[in-house]
Every structure is written in C-alpha cells, then in structure tokens.
C-alpha cells in the first residue's frame, strides 16, 4: 500500500459509493486509474465496500458495548450471544475482558433486561460491564490509514 491507496481508503470510508469521476481527482488520479486501484484493493481483499446501517436510525434507542468476563470457553459465549438479534458484533479479546459485544435494544429498559436476562445467564459468564452510547450518530467507522 502506498500513499495513494491510503488516500483512496480514506475517501471510501467517508463515502463508499463515491463516483470514480470524483474519487480520481481527490486522490490525484484519473477516474479510470482510481477504478483500477480500487479494484486491485478489492481483489487483494485489502478493502471491502459494504453498506453499514445506523441502528439508531432503524429504531434502536439504546446502544452499548458490553465488556464480558468468562470462566471457560469465551468462544462458546460469543457464539451464544451472536445468535441474538440485539448483538451487532462480538469480538474475542485478551486483557481485562474475554470478549466485547456491541448491542442495540429498543430502549434503556430493554438493554437492562437483555444484560440481566440474556447475557448474565449464559454459561461461563462471570461479569458484564455496560458501556452505553449516548447521542445521535455514535458510530463512525474510520481508521487512520
């Protein structure tokens, strides 16, 4: 990856549907050269252009990141939680938590019920810390590439 590839990725993070006629000049390339670069990044599996929904815009009013400690197989806990519609994603970690799960619920009460009635009873879960998100547009998927 060179500086132009990184510039392309920054632009795609902002707008994954940007026309090549606009992308090319922004990164110092012709539209056809920008198209070729993007295709090369996709073919190399460096980048994947996908749609990302905004859970808050889709009716969820309570979002949180759950830090979960597990005694036993954290993968089994992640799999169990991953089957729930409320879970946006789960990721295994090393450190203070065995896994994190991002969840979206209809309202704060539903979030509390989800933590107490669904997450805590999962076999192996020993502790759950709740890190709620506040405000609109809490997600920003951008990495400094």
C-alpha atoms as a PDB file:
ATOM      1  CA  UNK A   1       0.000   0.000   0.000  1.00  0.00           C
ATOM      2  CA  UNK A   2       1.228   3.435  -0.878  1.00  0.00           C
ATOM      3  CA  UNK A   3       0.022   6.944  -0.075  1.00  0.00           C
ATOM      4  CA  UNK A   4      -2.485   6.928  -2.947  1.00  0.00           C
ATOM      5  CA  UNK A   5      -4.027   3.653  -1.712  1.00  0.00           C
ATOM      6  CA  UNK A   6      -4.356   5.166   1.761  1.00  0.00           C
ATOM      7  CA  UNK A   7      -5.962   8.298   0.295  1.00  0.00           C
ATOM      8  CA  UNK A   8      -8.435   6.105  -1.598  1.00  0.00           C
ATOM      9  CA  UNK A   9      -9.299   4.230   1.592  1.00  0.00           C
ATOM     10  CA  UNK A  10      -9.877   7.497   3.478  1.00  0.00           C
ATOM     11  CA  UNK A  11     -12.265   8.656   0.753  1.00  0.00           C
ATOM     12  CA  UNK A  12     -14.099   5.318   0.704  1.00  0.00           C
ATOM     13  CA  UNK A  13     -14.504   5.463   4.484  1.00  0.00           C
ATOM     14  CA  UNK A  14     -16.284   8.759   4.064  1.00  0.00           C
ATOM     15  CA  UNK A  15     -18.395   7.633   1.090  1.00  0.00           C
ATOM     16  CA  UNK A  16     -18.151   4.057  -0.159  1.00  0.00           C
ATOM     17  CA  UNK A  17     -20.295   4.949  -3.181  1.00  0.00           C
ATOM     18  CA  UNK A  18     -18.220   7.886  -4.391  1.00  0.00           C
ATOM     19  CA  UNK A  19     -18.137   8.013  -8.207  1.00  0.00           C
ATOM     20  CA  UNK A  20     -14.729   7.368  -9.742  1.00  0.00           C
ATOM     21  CA  UNK A  21     -15.109  10.732 -11.532  1.00  0.00           C
ATOM     22  CA  UNK A  22     -14.986  12.370  -8.092  1.00  0.00           C
ATOM     23  CA  UNK A  23     -12.590   9.930  -6.403  1.00  0.00           C
ATOM     24  CA  UNK A  24      -9.833  10.150  -9.001  1.00  0.00           C
ATOM     25  CA  UNK A  25      -9.196  13.907  -8.754  1.00  0.00           C
ATOM     26  CA  UNK A  26      -9.396  13.811  -4.941  1.00  0.00           C
ATOM     27  CA  UNK A  27      -6.508  11.334  -4.808  1.00  0.00           C
ATOM     28  CA  UNK A  28      -4.504  12.645  -7.764  1.00  0.00           C
ATOM     29  CA  UNK A  29      -5.581  10.063 -10.350  1.00  0.00           C
ATOM     30  CA  UNK A  30      -7.787   9.885 -13.404  1.00  0.00           C
ATOM     31  CA  UNK A  31     -11.175   8.247 -12.840  1.00  0.00           C
ATOM     32  CA  UNK A  32     -10.084   5.101 -14.708  1.00  0.00           C
ATOM     33  CA  UNK A  33      -6.856   4.852 -12.693  1.00  0.00           C
ATOM     34  CA  UNK A  34      -8.869   5.278  -9.458  1.00  0.00           C
ATOM     35  CA  UNK A  35     -11.228   2.494 -10.570  1.00  0.00           C
ATOM     36  CA  UNK A  36      -8.268   0.196 -11.260  1.00  0.00           C
ATOM     37  CA  UNK A  37      -6.718   0.981  -7.870  1.00  0.00           C
ATOM     38  CA  UNK A  38      -9.986   0.319  -6.033  1.00  0.00           C
ATOM     39  CA  UNK A  39     -10.472  -2.941  -7.928  1.00  0.00           C
ATOM     40  CA  UNK A  40      -6.911  -4.006  -7.076  1.00  0.00           C
ATOM     41  CA  UNK A  41      -7.573  -3.298  -3.368  1.00  0.00           C
ATOM     42  CA  UNK A  42     -10.817  -5.283  -3.516  1.00  0.00           C
ATOM     43  CA  UNK A  43      -9.186  -8.194  -5.373  1.00  0.00           C
ATOM     44  CA  UNK A  44      -6.360  -8.270  -2.804  1.00  0.00           C
ATOM     45  CA  UNK A  45      -9.016  -8.336  -0.037  1.00  0.00           C
ATOM     46  CA  UNK A  46      -7.478  -5.212   1.487  1.00  0.00           C
ATOM     47  CA  UNK A  47     -10.822  -3.451   1.301  1.00  0.00           C
ATOM     48  CA  UNK A  48     -14.432  -4.490   1.169  1.00  0.00           C
ATOM     49  CA  UNK A  49     -17.112  -1.997   0.197  1.00  0.00           C
ATOM     50  CA  UNK A  50     -20.302  -2.744   2.137  1.00  0.00           C
ATOM     51  CA  UNK A  51     -23.356  -0.919   3.421  1.00  0.00           C
ATOM     52  CA  UNK A  52     -23.438  -0.190   7.132  1.00  0.00           C
ATOM     53  CA  UNK A  53     -26.735   0.508   8.833  1.00  0.00           C
ATOM     54  CA  UNK A  54     -27.242   3.008  11.613  1.00  0.00           C
ATOM     55  CA  UNK A  55     -29.008   1.056  14.383  1.00  0.00           C
ATOM     56  CA  UNK A  56     -30.315   4.229  15.968  1.00  0.00           C
ATOM     57  CA  UNK A  57     -31.991   5.242  12.699  1.00  0.00           C
ATOM     58  CA  UNK A  58     -33.565   1.785  12.496  1.00  0.00           C
ATOM     59  CA  UNK A  59     -35.413   2.109  15.793  1.00  0.00           C
ATOM     60  CA  UNK A  60     -32.857   1.073  18.387  1.00  0.00           C
ATOM     61  CA  UNK A  61     -32.686   3.702  21.097  1.00  0.00           C
ATOM     62  CA  UNK A  62     -30.203   2.103  23.466  1.00  0.00           C
ATOM     63  CA  UNK A  63     -26.744   1.008  22.346  1.00  0.00           C
ATOM     64  CA  UNK A  64     -23.929  -0.275  24.482  1.00  0.00           C
ATOM     65  CA  UNK A  65     -20.624  -2.048  24.376  1.00  0.00           C
ATOM     66  CA  UNK A  66     -20.575  -4.899  26.868  1.00  0.00           C
ATOM     67  CA  UNK A  67     -17.277  -5.968  28.388  1.00  0.00           C
ATOM     68  CA  UNK A  68     -17.736  -9.603  29.340  1.00  0.00           C
ATOM     69  CA  UNK A  69     -15.564 -11.779  31.563  1.00  0.00           C
ATOM     70  CA  UNK A  70     -15.823 -15.526  31.113  1.00  0.00           C
ATOM     71  CA  UNK A  71     -14.763 -18.577  33.056  1.00  0.00           C
ATOM     72  CA  UNK A  72     -14.261 -21.218  30.382  1.00  0.00           C
ATOM     73  CA  UNK A  73     -14.596 -21.010  26.624  1.00  0.00           C
ATOM     74  CA  UNK A  74     -15.172 -17.408  25.579  1.00  0.00           C
ATOM     75  CA  UNK A  75     -15.839 -18.583  22.014  1.00  0.00           C
ATOM     76  CA  UNK A  76     -18.898 -20.502  23.185  1.00  0.00           C
ATOM     77  CA  UNK A  77     -20.214 -17.379  24.912  1.00  0.00           C
ATOM     78  CA  UNK A  78     -19.539 -15.266  21.804  1.00  0.00           C
ATOM     79  CA  UNK A  79     -21.357 -17.857  19.671  1.00  0.00           C
ATOM     80  CA  UNK A  80     -24.360 -17.895  22.027  1.00  0.00           C
ATOM     81  CA  UNK A  81     -24.622 -14.116  22.053  1.00  0.00           C
ATOM     82  CA  UNK A  82     -24.019 -13.893  18.315  1.00  0.00           C
ATOM     83  CA  UNK A  83     -27.270 -15.739  17.705  1.00  0.00           C
ATOM     84  CA  UNK A  84     -29.216 -12.874  19.293  1.00  0.00           C
ATOM     85  CA  UNK A  85     -30.661 -10.095  17.122  1.00  0.00           C
ATOM     86  CA  UNK A  86     -29.630  -7.492  19.685  1.00  0.00           C
ATOM     87  CA  UNK A  87     -25.929  -8.259  19.171  1.00  0.00           C
ATOM     88  CA  UNK A  88     -24.339  -6.228  16.377  1.00  0.00           C
ATOM     89  CA  UNK A  89     -20.987  -7.969  16.766  1.00  0.00           C
ATOM     90  CA  UNK A  90     -18.850  -9.748  19.315  1.00  0.00           C
ATOM     91  CA  UNK A  91     -15.085  -9.940  19.411  1.00  0.00           C
ATOM     92  CA  UNK A  92     -12.721 -12.069  21.486  1.00  0.00           C
ATOM     93  CA  UNK A  93     -10.030 -10.117  23.297  1.00  0.00           C
ATOM     94  CA  UNK A  94      -7.085 -10.567  25.576  1.00  0.00           C
ATOM     95  CA  UNK A  95      -6.714  -8.426  28.624  1.00  0.00           C
ATOM     96  CA  UNK A  96      -9.272  -7.290  31.167  1.00  0.00           C
ATOM     97  CA  UNK A  97     -12.234  -8.700  29.231  1.00  0.00           C
ATOM     98  CA  UNK A  98     -12.563 -12.002  27.440  1.00  0.00           C
ATOM     99  CA  UNK A  99     -14.918 -10.546  24.858  1.00  0.00           C
ATOM    100  CA  UNK A 100     -16.790  -7.446  23.879  1.00  0.00           C
ATOM    101  CA  UNK A 101     -20.289  -7.406  22.425  1.00  0.00           C
ATOM    102  CA  UNK A 102     -21.980  -4.394  20.919  1.00  0.00           C
ATOM    103  CA  UNK A 103     -25.726  -4.472  21.439  1.00  0.00           C
ATOM    104  CA  UNK A 104     -28.725  -2.442  20.307  1.00  0.00           C
ATOM    105  CA  UNK A 105     -32.024  -2.526  22.151  1.00  0.00           C
ATOM    106  CA  UNK A 106     -35.306  -0.658  21.791  1.00  0.00           C
ATOM    107  CA  UNK A 107     -34.844   1.384  24.967  1.00  0.00           C
ATOM    108  CA  UNK A 108     -32.761   1.511  28.153  1.00  0.00           C
ATOM    109  CA  UNK A 109     -35.131  -0.874  29.964  1.00  0.00           C
ATOM    110  CA  UNK A 110     -34.773  -3.451  27.182  1.00  0.00           C
ATOM    111  CA  UNK A 111     -30.989  -3.077  27.418  1.00  0.00           C
ATOM    112  CA  UNK A 112     -31.092  -3.753  31.160  1.00  0.00           C
ATOM    113  CA  UNK A 113     -33.349  -6.771  30.593  1.00  0.00           C
ATOM    114  CA  UNK A 114     -31.040  -8.067  27.860  1.00  0.00           C
ATOM    115  CA  UNK A 115     -28.000  -7.853  30.135  1.00  0.00           C
ATOM    116  CA  UNK A 116     -29.741  -9.398  33.141  1.00  0.00           C
ATOM    117  CA  UNK A 117     -31.971 -11.964  31.438  1.00  0.00           C
ATOM    118  CA  UNK A 118     -29.872 -12.983  28.424  1.00  0.00           C
ATOM    119  CA  UNK A 119     -26.176 -12.220  28.894  1.00  0.00           C
ATOM    120  CA  UNK A 120     -25.612 -12.967  32.576  1.00  0.00           C
ATOM    121  CA  UNK A 121     -27.290 -16.416  32.461  1.00  0.00           C
ATOM    122  CA  UNK A 122     -25.077 -17.631  29.587  1.00  0.00           C
ATOM    123  CA  UNK A 123     -22.941 -20.487  30.895  1.00  0.00           C
ATOM    124  CA  UNK A 124     -19.446 -19.241  31.694  1.00  0.00           C
ATOM    125  CA  UNK A 125     -20.268 -15.527  32.018  1.00  0.00           C
ATOM    126  CA  UNK A 126     -18.849 -14.250  35.297  1.00  0.00           C
ATOM    127  CA  UNK A 127     -19.161 -10.477  34.863  1.00  0.00           C
ATOM    128  CA  UNK A 128     -20.657  -7.926  32.485  1.00  0.00           C
ATOM    129  CA  UNK A 129     -19.703  -4.262  32.348  1.00  0.00           C
ATOM    130  CA  UNK A 130     -22.024  -1.990  30.390  1.00  0.00           C
ATOM    131  CA  UNK A 131     -20.639   0.957  28.404  1.00  0.00           C
ATOM    132  CA  UNK A 132     -23.712   2.726  26.984  1.00  0.00           C
ATOM    133  CA  UNK A 133     -23.550   5.053  23.976  1.00  0.00           C
ATOM    134  CA  UNK A 134     -25.302   8.383  24.137  1.00  0.00           C
ATOM    135  CA  UNK A 135     -26.426  10.738  21.419  1.00  0.00           C
ATOM    136  CA  UNK A 136     -27.084  10.521  17.739  1.00  0.00           C
ATOM    137  CA  UNK A 137     -24.572   9.225  15.198  1.00  0.00           C
ATOM    138  CA  UNK A 138     -22.489   7.379  17.748  1.00  0.00           C
ATOM    139  CA  UNK A 139     -20.826   5.233  15.097  1.00  0.00           C
ATOM    140  CA  UNK A 140     -18.023   6.449  12.924  1.00  0.00           C
ATOM    141  CA  UNK A 141     -16.257   3.725  11.026  1.00  0.00           C
ATOM    142  CA  UNK A 142     -12.975   5.385  10.148  1.00  0.00           C
ATOM    143  CA  UNK A 143      -9.486   4.140  10.665  1.00  0.00           C
ATOM    144  CA  UNK A 144      -6.384   6.238  10.183  1.00  0.00           C
ATOM    145  CA  UNK A 145      -4.940   4.537   7.111  1.00  0.00           C
END
